[in-house]
């Protein structure tokens, strides 16, 4: 069975990913990971807790050590690898040949997965990394399914992992310098400022006269010329699985919201399970994925070559809101929720749960009920905290948990459509 691999930007997101169907997660600690912001949300202690939590449930955790070090950092990397190896993770994710060699010396018992930053797209490069001890290659986002098939045929024991969902870079698999040039924040060391997502005004200069002309855009076309759409291969999971060459499906997004982690894991878990059950239904998965914030979707390059298609750029804006707003998140005990937007007495919210809700409930606090379309809903009649304090409305930022009419699965999300 193919593995479903989700992002773990912090301990809560790690738990949510597993609750919604991920088989494994990836994440890191500090600036050695290629997402500095999410790396700061993990400490060595909480990352160890995450590994223990995963292993107790038969799940896996892969450690991102995929930055590009300078000479002055090499001993720091070695020390970091030693600390992470002692925690017993299931693999290191590494981007450079030198660090692969270091990892094999420091922790030969820990498998090495080659980061997508290494840009592997052919059999020759795959063979090189396999020969130096890499057990899995996370292929470049630009690779085709046909090329993956060729690699698997030549190296049947090499595991292949591919991205199926999430942000895409303007540059080749993220090897970008725009942010570094404009703001001093180095993308290849984890501190990208997302300069490619900004709107730009274009000018043309005549070097002989020094005259500068502003290039006028067509109305409503926009100037987001480097803003890549988000990858979304949910409609092609059947083709990918039918090929039999992919070992792991990876979702991007360690800095994305807990709701994003839940929805993407849930949708792709359904897609995988439905394929094996012979009931694959692309429209169902897409409906859920469109509830998240995104930059417009593209099926990118795995199925189609870049020169065969258009539509990989989002020219209108840097991000869209998606179809739904998260109102609240049920706590780990399943007895109360914390508000993420605004909830008032009488509000009705759709339930997105990691496990089936099977029983209707009605009492003074509210109702849990099932609509004709099969969706489950919660209507809150009384907003009451465990200490007995009540509210007419409660807003995001208020840390008081609100008691549910009846228990719901831990990490259940409550949401509303943005169009009402």
Protein backbone atom coordinates (compact mmCIF):
# COMPACT_ATOMS: atom_id res chain seq x y z
CA UNK A 1 0.00 0.00 0.00
CA UNK A 2 1.34 3.44 -0.94
CA UNK A 3 2.24 5.70 1.99
CA UNK A 4 0.43 8.98 2.64
CA UNK A 5 2.92 11.55 3.97
CA UNK A 6 1.72 14.79 5.55
CA UNK A 7 3.47 17.92 6.86
CA UNK A 8 3.98 18.37 10.60
CA UNK A 9 4.71 22.00 11.36
CA UNK A 10 4.24 21.46 15.09
CA UNK A 11 3.05 18.82 17.54
CA UNK A 12 -0.65 19.65 17.12
CA UNK A 13 -0.42 19.39 13.34
CA UNK A 14 1.42 16.08 13.69
CA UNK A 15 -1.45 14.67 15.73
CA UNK A 16 -4.06 16.08 13.34
CA UNK A 17 -2.30 14.56 10.31
CA UNK A 18 -2.41 11.11 11.90
CA UNK A 19 -6.01 11.55 13.04
CA UNK A 20 -7.09 12.29 9.45
CA UNK A 21 -5.31 9.37 7.83
CA UNK A 22 -1.60 10.09 7.25
CA UNK A 23 0.74 7.11 7.53
CA UNK A 24 3.78 9.30 8.16
CA UNK A 25 4.73 12.93 8.70
CA UNK A 26 7.80 15.05 8.09
CA UNK A 27 9.10 17.95 10.14
CA UNK A 28 12.16 19.42 11.73
CA UNK A 29 13.75 21.42 14.49
CA UNK A 30 15.51 24.80 14.14
CA UNK A 31 17.24 26.26 11.09
CA UNK A 32 18.61 22.90 9.94
CA UNK A 33 15.17 22.27 8.44
CA UNK A 34 14.23 24.06 5.23
CA UNK A 35 11.28 25.77 6.93
CA UNK A 36 12.71 27.99 9.65
CA UNK A 37 9.29 29.24 10.81
CA UNK A 38 7.86 25.75 11.33
CA UNK A 39 11.17 24.51 12.73
CA UNK A 40 10.86 27.04 15.53
CA UNK A 41 7.53 25.53 16.55
CA UNK A 42 9.25 22.28 17.49
CA UNK A 43 11.76 21.93 20.29
CA UNK A 44 13.92 18.84 20.66
CA UNK A 45 11.63 17.80 23.51
CA UNK A 46 8.36 18.24 21.62
CA UNK A 47 9.80 16.56 18.55
CA UNK A 48 10.71 13.55 20.67
CA UNK A 49 7.15 13.58 21.98
CA UNK A 50 5.91 13.57 18.40
CA UNK A 51 8.07 10.59 17.47
CA UNK A 52 6.88 8.66 20.52
CA UNK A 53 3.26 9.57 19.73
CA UNK A 54 3.68 8.33 16.14
CA UNK A 55 5.41 5.08 17.01
CA UNK A 56 2.80 4.24 19.63
CA UNK A 57 0.26 4.30 16.77
CA UNK A 58 2.34 2.44 14.20
CA UNK A 59 3.10 5.67 12.29
CA UNK A 60 6.39 7.17 11.07
CA UNK A 61 8.24 10.47 11.41
CA UNK A 62 10.85 11.71 8.94
CA UNK A 63 13.27 14.44 10.05
CA UNK A 64 13.98 17.32 7.68
CA UNK A 65 17.68 18.22 7.69
CA UNK A 66 17.49 19.55 4.16
CA UNK A 67 19.17 22.94 4.33
CA UNK A 68 22.28 23.86 2.35
CA UNK A 69 25.10 24.40 4.87
CA UNK A 70 28.12 26.67 4.72
CA UNK A 71 31.50 25.40 5.93
CA UNK A 72 31.04 27.17 9.25
CA UNK A 73 27.90 25.11 9.93
CA UNK A 74 29.15 21.60 9.21
CA UNK A 75 29.95 20.68 12.80
CA UNK A 76 26.60 22.10 13.91
CA UNK A 77 24.90 19.85 11.37
CA UNK A 78 26.82 16.83 12.68
CA UNK A 79 25.81 17.60 16.26
CA UNK A 80 22.20 18.09 15.20
CA UNK A 81 22.15 14.76 13.35
CA UNK A 82 23.47 13.00 16.44
CA UNK A 83 20.72 14.52 18.59
CA UNK A 84 18.00 13.63 16.09
CA UNK A 85 19.30 10.09 15.58
CA UNK A 86 19.09 9.47 19.32
CA UNK A 87 15.33 10.12 19.14
CA UNK A 88 14.78 7.16 16.82
CA UNK A 89 13.15 8.78 13.79
CA UNK A 90 12.27 6.69 10.75
CA UNK A 91 14.43 8.59 8.26
CA UNK A 92 16.46 11.74 7.64
CA UNK A 93 15.47 13.98 4.69
CA UNK A 94 18.70 15.44 3.24
CA UNK A 95 19.43 17.56 0.16
CA UNK A 96 23.19 17.39 -0.51
CA UNK A 97 25.65 14.54 -1.22
CA UNK A 98 28.01 15.73 1.52
CA UNK A 99 25.30 15.62 4.17
CA UNK A 100 24.19 12.21 2.93
CA UNK A 101 27.75 11.01 3.56
CA UNK A 102 27.74 12.65 6.99
CA UNK A 103 24.43 11.01 7.89
CA UNK A 104 25.68 7.57 6.90
CA UNK A 105 28.70 8.10 9.18
CA UNK A 106 26.82 9.60 12.13
CA UNK A 107 23.74 7.37 12.09
CA UNK A 108 24.08 4.41 9.69
CA UNK A 109 20.95 2.86 11.20
CA UNK A 110 18.72 5.78 10.08
CA UNK A 111 17.52 5.58 6.44
CA UNK A 112 18.25 8.61 4.26
CA UNK A 113 15.58 10.12 2.00
CA UNK A 114 16.88 12.52 -0.63
CA UNK A 115 15.10 15.90 -0.61
CA UNK A 116 13.27 17.20 -3.66
CA UNK A 117 15.78 20.09 -3.53
CA UNK A 118 18.33 17.72 -5.09
CA UNK A 119 16.26 17.82 -8.31
CA UNK A 120 16.47 14.15 -9.27
CA UNK A 121 14.72 13.64 -12.61
CA UNK A 122 16.57 10.76 -14.28
CA UNK A 123 17.99 7.27 -13.80
CA UNK A 124 21.62 8.41 -13.73
CA UNK A 125 21.18 10.79 -10.82
CA UNK A 126 18.95 8.31 -8.99
CA UNK A 127 21.62 5.63 -9.39
CA UNK A 128 24.29 7.94 -7.96
CA UNK A 129 22.33 8.68 -4.79
CA UNK A 130 21.28 5.05 -4.41
CA UNK A 131 24.93 4.00 -4.61
CA UNK A 132 25.94 6.38 -1.77
CA UNK A 133 23.27 5.04 0.56
CA UNK A 134 19.98 6.83 -0.17
CA UNK A 135 16.98 4.51 0.31
CA UNK A 136 14.29 6.87 -1.02
CA UNK A 137 14.29 9.73 -3.47
CA UNK A 138 11.75 12.54 -3.22
CA UNK A 139 11.56 13.35 -6.90
CA UNK A 140 11.71 16.84 -8.34
CA UNK A 141 8.26 18.35 -8.79
CA UNK A 142 9.04 18.71 -12.49
CA UNK A 143 9.42 14.96 -13.08
CA UNK A 144 6.94 12.97 -15.18
CA UNK A 145 5.27 9.70 -14.30
CA UNK A 146 6.98 8.13 -17.30
CA UNK A 147 10.40 9.09 -15.92
CA UNK A 148 9.47 7.69 -12.51
CA UNK A 149 8.59 4.42 -14.21
CA UNK A 150 12.01 4.37 -15.86
CA UNK A 151 13.79 4.96 -12.54
CA UNK A 152 11.78 2.24 -10.81
CA UNK A 153 12.51 -0.22 -13.60
CA UNK A 154 16.26 0.42 -13.33
CA UNK A 155 16.29 0.58 -9.49
CA UNK A 156 13.40 -1.55 -8.16
CA UNK A 157 14.67 -1.41 -4.56
CA UNK A 158 14.85 2.42 -4.50
CA UNK A 159 11.73 3.97 -2.96
CA UNK A 160 10.15 6.86 -4.88
CA UNK A 161 8.23 9.68 -3.22
CA UNK A 162 6.32 12.36 -5.14
CA UNK A 163 4.57 15.57 -4.18
CA UNK A 164 0.85 15.47 -4.96
CA UNK A 165 -0.41 18.64 -3.27
CA UNK A 166 0.68 22.06 -2.06
CA UNK A 167 2.71 25.13 -2.95
CA UNK A 168 4.96 25.17 -5.98
CA UNK A 169 7.94 27.45 -6.51
CA UNK A 170 8.62 29.71 -9.46
CA UNK A 171 12.15 28.31 -9.47
CA UNK A 172 13.28 24.77 -10.13
CA UNK A 173 12.10 22.68 -7.15
CA UNK A 174 12.62 25.66 -4.88
CA UNK A 175 16.21 26.50 -5.88
CA UNK A 176 15.46 30.22 -5.80
CA UNK A 177 17.44 33.41 -5.08
CA UNK A 178 14.75 36.08 -5.54
CA UNK A 179 14.03 36.46 -1.83
CA UNK A 180 17.75 36.56 -1.03
CA UNK A 181 18.40 39.32 -3.58
CA UNK A 182 15.46 41.49 -2.53
CA UNK A 183 15.32 41.07 1.24
CA UNK A 184 18.37 39.10 2.33
CA UNK A 185 16.25 36.11 3.32
CA UNK A 186 17.81 32.98 1.79
CA UNK A 187 15.28 30.45 0.45
CA UNK A 188 17.78 27.61 0.34
CA UNK A 189 18.40 27.99 4.05
CA UNK A 190 14.74 28.04 5.02
CA UNK A 191 13.87 31.72 5.29
CA UNK A 192 12.09 32.43 1.99
CA UNK A 193 10.05 35.66 2.06
CA UNK A 194 7.77 34.45 -0.78
CA UNK A 195 8.77 37.34 -3.05
CA UNK A 196 7.43 35.40 -6.04
CA UNK A 197 3.92 35.82 -4.60
CA UNK A 198 4.04 39.63 -4.72
CA UNK A 199 2.51 41.82 -7.47
CA UNK A 200 5.06 43.52 -9.71
CA UNK A 201 4.92 46.48 -12.10
CA UNK A 202 6.94 45.96 -15.27
CA UNK A 203 9.06 48.59 -17.04
CA UNK A 204 11.08 48.64 -20.25
CA UNK A 205 14.12 50.91 -20.72
CA UNK A 206 15.71 52.15 -23.92
CA UNK A 207 19.44 51.96 -23.03
CA UNK A 208 20.38 54.51 -25.74
CA UNK A 209 18.10 57.27 -24.48
CA UNK A 210 17.50 56.23 -20.88
CA UNK A 211 13.75 56.51 -21.43
CA UNK A 212 11.70 54.24 -19.20
CA UNK A 213 8.26 52.94 -20.21
CA UNK A 214 5.78 51.28 -17.93
CA UNK A 215 4.31 48.15 -19.55
CA UNK A 216 0.56 48.38 -19.21
CA UNK A 217 -1.28 45.22 -18.22
CA UNK A 218 -4.55 44.09 -19.73
CA UNK A 219 -7.47 44.83 -17.36
CA UNK A 220 -8.01 42.09 -14.76
CA UNK A 221 -4.97 40.07 -15.89
CA UNK A 222 -2.82 41.19 -12.98
CA UNK A 223 0.89 41.38 -12.37
CA UNK A 224 1.57 38.26 -10.29
CA UNK A 225 3.97 37.03 -12.96
CA UNK A 226 5.94 34.61 -10.75
CA UNK A 227 3.08 33.31 -8.62
CA UNK A 228 2.80 29.57 -9.29
CA UNK A 229 -0.53 27.87 -8.71
CA UNK A 230 -0.71 25.19 -6.03
CA UNK A 231 -0.25 21.58 -7.03
CA UNK A 232 -3.34 19.39 -6.80
CA UNK A 233 -3.09 15.85 -8.15
CA UNK A 234 -6.11 14.39 -6.36
CA UNK A 235 -7.86 13.73 -9.67
CA UNK A 236 -4.87 11.69 -10.87
CA UNK A 237 -4.26 9.50 -7.83
CA UNK A 238 -5.80 6.55 -9.67
CA UNK A 239 -3.27 6.93 -12.50
CA UNK A 240 -0.38 7.29 -10.07
CA UNK A 241 -1.36 4.24 -8.03
CA UNK A 242 -2.10 2.18 -11.12
CA UNK A 243 1.48 2.76 -12.31
CA UNK A 244 2.75 0.82 -9.29
CA UNK A 245 6.02 2.78 -9.14
CA UNK A 246 5.31 5.35 -6.40
CA UNK A 247 5.92 4.39 -2.77
CA UNK A 248 4.86 7.61 -1.04
CA UNK A 249 2.47 10.47 -1.83
CA UNK A 250 3.62 13.69 -0.19
CA UNK A 251 1.62 16.78 0.78
CA UNK A 252 3.47 20.10 1.08
CA UNK A 253 2.66 22.58 3.84
CA UNK A 254 4.51 22.66 7.17
CA UNK A 255 3.60 26.34 7.56
CA UNK A 256 -0.04 25.81 6.53
CA UNK A 257 -2.96 25.78 8.99
CA UNK A 258 -4.13 22.79 11.05
CA UNK A 259 -7.30 22.78 8.92
CA UNK A 260 -5.21 22.46 5.74
CA UNK A 261 -3.35 19.51 7.28
CA UNK A 262 -6.64 17.83 8.19
CA UNK A 263 -8.43 18.36 4.88
CA UNK A 264 -5.53 17.33 2.66
CA UNK A 265 -4.81 14.18 4.67
CA UNK A 266 -8.52 13.33 4.73
CA UNK A 267 -9.01 13.86 0.97
CA UNK A 268 -5.95 11.93 -0.15
CA UNK A 269 -6.63 9.14 2.36
CA UNK A 270 -10.07 8.78 0.80
CA UNK A 271 -8.60 8.83 -2.70
CA UNK A 272 -6.11 6.06 -1.90
CA UNK A 273 -8.65 3.87 -0.10
CA UNK A 274 -11.32 4.43 -2.75
CA UNK A 275 -8.91 3.46 -5.52
CA UNK A 276 -8.19 0.12 -3.86
CA UNK A 277 -11.91 -0.40 -3.24
CA UNK A 278 -12.73 0.30 -6.89
CA UNK A 279 -14.78 3.44 -6.25
CA UNK A 280 -12.44 6.32 -7.10
CA UNK A 281 -14.37 9.61 -7.29
CA UNK A 282 -12.21 12.65 -8.12
CA UNK A 283 -15.00 15.21 -7.71
CA UNK A 284 -15.49 14.24 -4.06
CA UNK A 285 -11.84 14.84 -3.15
CA UNK A 286 -11.68 18.09 -5.10
CA UNK A 287 -14.75 19.45 -3.31
CA UNK A 288 -12.98 19.04 0.03
CA UNK A 289 -9.63 20.39 -1.16
CA UNK A 290 -11.29 23.53 -2.51
CA UNK A 291 -12.46 24.38 1.03
CA UNK A 292 -8.85 25.29 1.88
CA UNK A 293 -7.02 28.51 1.06
CA UNK A 294 -5.01 28.16 -2.15
CA UNK A 295 -3.50 30.07 -5.08
CA UNK A 296 -5.60 28.33 -7.66
CA UNK A 297 -4.85 24.71 -8.53
CA UNK A 298 -2.82 23.04 -11.26
CA UNK A 299 -2.05 19.39 -11.93
CA UNK A 300 1.50 20.54 -12.63
CA UNK A 301 3.97 18.29 -14.45
CA UNK A 302 3.65 14.70 -13.27
CA UNK A 303 0.99 13.86 -15.85
CA UNK A 304 1.67 16.65 -18.41
CA UNK A 305 4.99 18.03 -19.59
CA UNK A 306 5.49 21.80 -18.98
CA UNK A 307 5.55 22.58 -22.70
CA UNK A 308 2.31 20.67 -23.26
CA UNK A 309 0.17 22.90 -21.12
CA UNK A 310 -0.55 26.31 -19.60
CA UNK A 311 -2.27 27.33 -16.41
CA UNK A 312 0.52 26.86 -13.86
CA UNK A 313 0.56 30.58 -12.94
CA UNK A 314 -1.96 32.42 -10.81
CA UNK A 315 -2.00 35.92 -12.30
CA UNK A 316 -4.91 37.43 -10.39
CA UNK A 317 -3.88 37.30 -6.72
CA UNK A 318 -1.43 35.71 -4.31
CA UNK A 319 -4.01 33.49 -2.59
CA UNK A 320 -7.75 32.76 -2.50
CA UNK A 321 -9.84 32.11 0.56
CA UNK A 322 -11.29 28.73 -0.38
CA UNK A 323 -14.97 27.93 0.02
CA UNK A 324 -15.11 27.52 3.81
CA UNK A 325 -14.11 29.31 7.01
CA UNK A 326 -12.98 27.34 10.06
CA UNK A 327 -15.04 28.40 13.07
CA UNK A 328 -13.67 26.10 15.78
CA UNK A 329 -11.44 23.12 16.57
CA UNK A 330 -12.46 20.38 19.01
CA UNK A 331 -9.83 19.66 21.65
CA UNK A 332 -7.88 16.43 22.10
CA UNK A 333 -10.33 15.19 24.73
CA UNK A 334 -13.27 15.63 22.36
CA UNK A 335 -15.42 17.42 24.95
CA UNK A 336 -15.06 21.10 24.01
CA UNK A 337 -13.90 23.39 21.22
CA UNK A 338 -11.72 26.47 20.88
CA UNK A 339 -13.04 29.22 18.63
CA UNK A 340 -10.98 30.10 15.55
CA UNK A 341 -13.26 32.77 14.08
CA UNK A 342 -16.57 33.74 15.74
CA UNK A 343 -19.34 31.56 17.16
CA UNK A 344 -22.67 32.82 18.50
CA UNK A 345 -25.67 31.18 20.13
CA UNK A 346 -27.82 29.61 17.42
CA UNK A 347 -24.96 29.19 14.93
CA UNK A 348 -24.96 26.07 12.78
CA UNK A 349 -21.63 24.63 11.68
CA UNK A 350 -20.70 21.69 9.50
CA UNK A 351 -18.69 18.95 11.20
CA UNK A 352 -15.47 17.68 9.62
CA UNK A 353 -14.37 14.77 11.81
CA UNK A 354 -11.46 12.33 11.57
CA UNK A 355 -13.80 9.47 12.54
CA UNK A 356 -17.46 8.86 11.69
CA UNK A 357 -20.11 10.71 13.70
CA UNK A 358 -22.96 8.23 14.17
CA UNK A 359 -25.36 9.53 16.81
CA UNK A 360 -27.73 12.49 16.79
CA UNK A 361 -27.93 14.46 20.05
CA UNK A 362 -30.17 17.25 21.33
CA UNK A 363 -29.93 18.98 24.72
CA UNK A 364 -29.70 22.45 26.28
CA UNK A 365 -26.22 23.06 24.85
CA UNK A 366 -27.21 22.29 21.28
CA UNK A 367 -27.84 19.70 18.59
CA UNK A 368 -25.69 17.30 16.61
CA UNK A 369 -27.64 16.13 13.57
CA UNK A 370 -27.37 14.64 10.10
CA UNK A 371 -28.66 16.34 6.96
CA UNK A 372 -30.22 14.57 3.99
CA UNK A 373 -26.99 14.83 1.99
CA UNK A 374 -25.19 12.79 4.65
CA UNK A 375 -23.25 15.69 6.21
CA UNK A 376 -23.22 16.17 9.98
CA UNK A 377 -23.89 19.51 11.64
CA UNK A 378 -23.70 21.15 15.05
CA UNK A 379 -26.08 23.87 16.23
CA UNK A 380 -24.97 25.62 19.42
CA UNK A 381 -27.78 26.79 21.71
CA UNK A 382 -25.64 27.59 24.76
CA UNK A 383 -21.99 28.70 24.81
CA UNK A 384 -20.72 27.56 28.21
CA UNK A 385 -17.20 26.96 29.54
CA UNK A 386 -16.28 24.09 31.90
CA UNK A 387 -16.31 26.67 34.74
CA UNK A 388 -19.89 27.69 33.99
CA UNK A 389 -19.20 31.01 32.27
CA UNK A 390 -21.57 31.72 29.35
CA UNK A 391 -21.35 33.88 26.22
CA UNK A 392 -23.74 35.11 23.58
CA UNK A 393 -20.85 35.19 21.12
CA UNK A 394 -17.20 34.21 21.43
CA UNK A 395 -14.37 35.33 19.15
CA UNK A 396 -11.03 34.05 17.96
CA UNK A 397 -8.33 34.70 20.53
CA UNK A 398 -10.54 33.79 23.48
CA UNK A 399 -8.83 30.79 25.07
CA UNK A 400 -11.90 29.56 26.98
CA UNK A 401 -13.06 26.15 25.73
CA UNK A 402 -16.78 25.82 24.94
CA UNK A 403 -18.51 22.61 25.96
CA UNK A 404 -20.10 20.48 23.23
CA UNK A 405 -23.61 19.00 23.47
CA UNK A 406 -21.91 15.58 23.29
CA UNK A 407 -18.38 14.32 22.66
CA UNK A 408 -16.98 14.51 19.12
CA UNK A 409 -13.81 12.86 17.78
CA UNK A 410 -10.66 14.72 18.88
CA UNK A 411 -9.44 17.33 16.38
CA UNK A 412 -12.85 17.69 14.73
CA UNK A 413 -13.22 20.97 12.79
CA UNK A 414 -16.40 23.07 12.73
CA UNK A 415 -16.82 25.16 9.59
CA UNK A 416 -19.15 27.37 7.54
CA UNK A 417 -19.36 28.15 3.83
CA UNK A 418 -18.06 31.62 3.07
CA UNK A 419 -21.02 32.34 0.82
CA UNK A 420 -23.43 31.53 3.65
